[in-house]
Amino acid sequence: MDIFEAIAARRSVRKYKKGAQIPKGDIEKLLDAAMHAPSAVNSRPWEFYCSDKEEYKNALMAAHPASKMLETASWAIVVCARPESQPRHNFWQQDCAAAVENILLAARGLGYGTCWCGCYPAQPRTDDVKRAIGCESVPVAIVAVGVPDEDPPAKGYYDPDRAHFI
C-alpha cells in the first residue's frame, strides 16, 4: 500500500477481532515508524508503553473514559512525552502527535486498525493514565491497535474551500 492509499484508508476503528494475535515484531515496526517522526531540534521527546495484557488494557480503560475499544483491541500503545528533553522549546505536544500519526499510518499499511485516544492536556485523564502505566512522563495519547472487526466509512476528504493559496 502506498502512502496516499494508507492516508485515504485510515479510519478510527473501535471494534476489533477479540483475541487476534499481532506479533510483537509488527508492534516494533509501528514504534520504528513513530520514532521516525520529526521533532524539534531532533529532541525525540517520546517514549512508548506497549502491552497486549488484559490487566494493562483494563487499567487504561478505567483511567480513560473514551478508550473502551481496548476491550477488543490486541494492543495498547501509550505515547508519552518527556518535556524536559526540550529545555529551550515547547513543541513536545506536536512532536508526539506526529509520532502518533506515523503509528496510525504504519498500522494501516500493515493491515491493522487503530484508534487515537487523546490524553494530554485533559485532567484528571492525564494523571489517571500516568498512574495506570506507572510512568513519570506525560501521557499524550493511547493508540488501540488490532485486527478490525468493522469498516467505518471515510469521514475525511479534500475540501477546496479550506485550502487557501496565497
Protein backbone atom coordinates (compact mmCIF):
# COMPACT_ATOMS: atom_id res chain seq x y z
CA MET A 1 0.00 0.00 0.00
CA ASP A 2 1.48 3.36 -0.93
CA ILE A 3 1.35 6.28 1.48
CA PHE A 4 -1.57 8.02 -0.22
CA GLU A 5 -3.63 4.83 -0.06
CA ALA A 6 -2.77 4.43 3.62
CA ILE A 7 -3.80 8.01 4.35
CA ALA A 8 -7.11 7.64 2.49
CA ALA A 9 -7.83 4.22 4.04
CA ARG A 10 -7.02 5.14 7.65
CA ARG A 11 -10.05 5.05 9.95
CA SER A 12 -10.74 5.23 13.66
CA VAL A 13 -11.62 1.63 14.42
CA ARG A 14 -13.49 0.90 17.64
CA LYS A 15 -14.31 -2.79 17.12
CA TYR A 16 -11.58 -5.39 16.74
CA LYS A 17 -11.48 -9.15 16.41
CA LYS A 18 -11.05 -10.08 20.06
CA GLY A 19 -8.17 -12.45 20.65
CA ALA A 20 -6.47 -11.69 17.32
CA GLN A 21 -2.73 -12.02 17.74
CA ILE A 22 -0.43 -9.28 16.48
CA PRO A 23 3.24 -10.24 16.55
CA LYS A 24 5.48 -8.12 18.76
CA GLY A 25 7.63 -7.61 15.65
CA ASP A 26 4.76 -5.74 14.00
CA ILE A 27 4.38 -3.52 17.07
CA GLU A 28 8.11 -2.83 16.86
CA LYS A 29 7.58 -1.76 13.22
CA LEU A 30 4.93 0.70 14.41
CA LEU A 31 7.31 2.05 17.04
CA ASP A 32 10.05 2.34 14.42
CA ALA A 33 7.67 4.40 12.29
CA ALA A 34 6.79 6.54 15.32
CA MET A 35 10.43 7.21 16.09
CA HIS A 36 10.99 8.40 12.53
CA ALA A 37 8.61 11.31 13.15
CA PRO A 38 10.10 14.80 13.09
CA SER A 39 10.77 16.54 16.39
CA ALA A 40 12.06 19.97 17.38
CA VAL A 41 15.85 20.02 17.18
CA ASN A 42 15.68 16.23 16.85
CA SER A 43 14.98 16.01 20.58
CA ARG A 44 12.78 12.90 20.18
CA PRO A 45 10.78 13.75 23.32
CA TRP A 46 8.81 10.48 23.39
CA GLU A 47 8.64 7.10 24.97
CA PHE A 48 6.13 4.33 24.39
CA TYR A 49 4.40 1.95 26.80
CA CYS A 50 3.01 -1.06 24.93
CA SER A 51 1.03 -4.05 26.12
CA ASP A 52 -1.20 -6.85 24.94
CA LYS A 53 -2.02 -7.84 28.53
CA GLU A 54 -5.69 -7.66 29.57
CA GLU A 55 -4.94 -6.24 33.02
CA TYR A 56 -2.97 -3.36 31.49
CA LYS A 57 -5.71 -2.60 28.93
CA ASN A 58 -8.33 -2.79 31.72
CA ALA A 59 -6.37 -0.27 33.80
CA LEU A 60 -6.21 2.08 30.82
CA MET A 61 -9.95 1.73 30.18
CA ALA A 62 -10.60 2.61 33.82
CA ALA A 63 -8.31 5.65 33.53
CA HIS A 64 -9.58 6.92 30.17
CA PRO A 65 -13.35 7.02 29.61
CA ALA A 66 -13.10 7.04 25.80
CA SER A 67 -10.78 4.03 25.49
CA LYS A 68 -13.38 1.25 25.73
CA MET A 69 -12.25 -0.14 22.36
CA LEU A 70 -9.25 -1.57 24.22
CA GLU A 71 -11.61 -4.33 25.36
CA THR A 72 -11.27 -5.97 21.92
CA ALA A 73 -8.02 -4.39 20.68
CA SER A 74 -4.95 -6.60 20.57
CA TRP A 75 -2.51 -3.97 21.83
CA ALA A 76 -2.45 -0.62 23.60
CA ILE A 77 0.35 1.80 22.86
CA VAL A 78 0.61 4.80 25.17
CA VAL A 79 2.61 7.61 23.61
CA CYS A 80 4.24 9.65 26.36
CA ALA A 81 6.24 12.86 26.30
CA ARG A 82 9.38 13.85 28.13
CA PRO A 83 9.08 17.67 28.15
CA GLU A 84 12.43 18.02 29.90
CA SER A 85 14.09 16.83 26.69
CA GLN A 86 13.24 20.21 25.15
CA PRO A 87 14.53 22.74 27.69
CA ARG A 88 14.55 25.61 25.17
CA HIS A 89 11.48 24.55 23.19
CA ASN A 90 7.93 23.57 23.96
CA PHE A 91 6.94 21.53 20.92
CA TRP A 92 6.70 18.10 22.53
CA GLN A 93 2.92 18.01 22.02
CA GLN A 94 3.31 18.39 18.25
CA ASP A 95 6.26 16.01 18.14
CA CYS A 96 4.31 13.27 19.94
CA ALA A 97 1.28 13.91 17.72
CA ALA A 98 3.49 13.34 14.67
CA ALA A 99 4.68 10.06 16.22
CA VAL A 100 1.05 9.01 16.81
CA GLU A 101 0.12 9.73 13.20
CA ASN A 102 3.06 7.66 11.99
CA ILE A 103 1.79 4.76 14.13
CA LEU A 104 -1.70 5.10 12.64
CA LEU A 105 -0.45 5.12 9.05
CA ALA A 106 2.07 2.32 9.56
CA ALA A 107 -0.61 0.17 11.19
CA ARG A 108 -2.93 0.77 8.25
CA GLY A 109 -0.13 -0.18 5.88
CA LEU A 110 0.27 -3.48 7.77
CA GLY A 111 -3.49 -4.14 7.62
CA TYR A 112 -4.33 -3.23 11.22
CA GLY A 113 -6.91 -0.84 12.59
CA THR A 114 -6.23 1.84 15.18
CA CYS A 115 -7.97 4.43 17.29
CA TRP A 116 -6.27 7.51 18.73
CA CYS A 117 -7.47 8.46 22.23
CA GLY A 118 -6.07 11.78 23.43
CA CYS A 119 -4.86 12.16 27.00
CA TYR A 120 -2.92 15.41 27.42
CA PRO A 121 -3.95 18.09 28.40
CA ALA A 122 -7.24 16.71 29.80
CA GLN A 123 -7.21 16.30 33.56
CA PRO A 124 -7.64 14.13 35.52
CA ARG A 125 -7.29 11.82 32.50
CA THR A 126 -3.58 12.51 32.00
CA ASP A 127 -2.72 11.79 35.63
CA ASP A 128 -5.01 8.73 35.73
CA VAL A 129 -3.31 7.22 32.66
CA LYS A 130 0.09 8.07 34.12
CA ARG A 131 -0.79 6.10 37.27
CA ALA A 132 -2.23 3.21 35.24
CA ILE A 133 1.05 2.66 33.40
CA GLY A 134 3.36 3.73 36.22
CA CYS A 135 5.36 6.28 34.28
CA GLU A 136 7.00 9.60 35.09
CA SER A 137 6.48 11.05 31.61
CA VAL A 138 3.34 12.76 30.27
CA PRO A 139 0.78 10.50 28.55
CA VAL A 140 -0.19 12.28 25.32
CA ALA A 141 -2.29 9.56 23.69
CA ILE A 142 -3.39 5.96 23.81
CA VAL A 143 -3.45 4.12 20.49
CA ALA A 144 -5.58 0.97 20.29
CA VAL A 145 -4.23 -1.49 17.70
CA GLY A 146 -6.00 -4.57 16.42
CA VAL A 147 -7.45 -6.54 13.55
CA PRO A 148 -10.54 -4.54 12.51
CA ASP A 149 -13.96 -6.08 13.00
CA GLU A 150 -15.67 -3.15 11.32
CA ASP A 151 -15.13 -0.98 8.26
CA PRO A 152 -16.18 2.55 9.18
CA PRO A 153 -16.89 4.92 6.30
CA ALA A 154 -14.45 7.65 5.42
CA LYS A 155 -15.03 10.93 7.21
CA GLY A 156 -12.12 12.91 5.82
CA TYR A 157 -11.98 14.38 2.34
CA TYR A 158 -10.34 17.18 0.42
CA ASP A 159 -12.32 20.38 0.85
CA PRO A 160 -11.09 23.04 -1.59
CA ASP A 161 -12.90 25.73 0.43
CA ARG A 162 -10.43 25.15 3.24
CA ALA A 163 -7.36 25.44 1.05
CA HIS A 164 -6.07 28.98 0.60
CA PHE A 165 -3.32 29.54 -1.90
CA ILE A 166 -1.68 32.89 -1.18
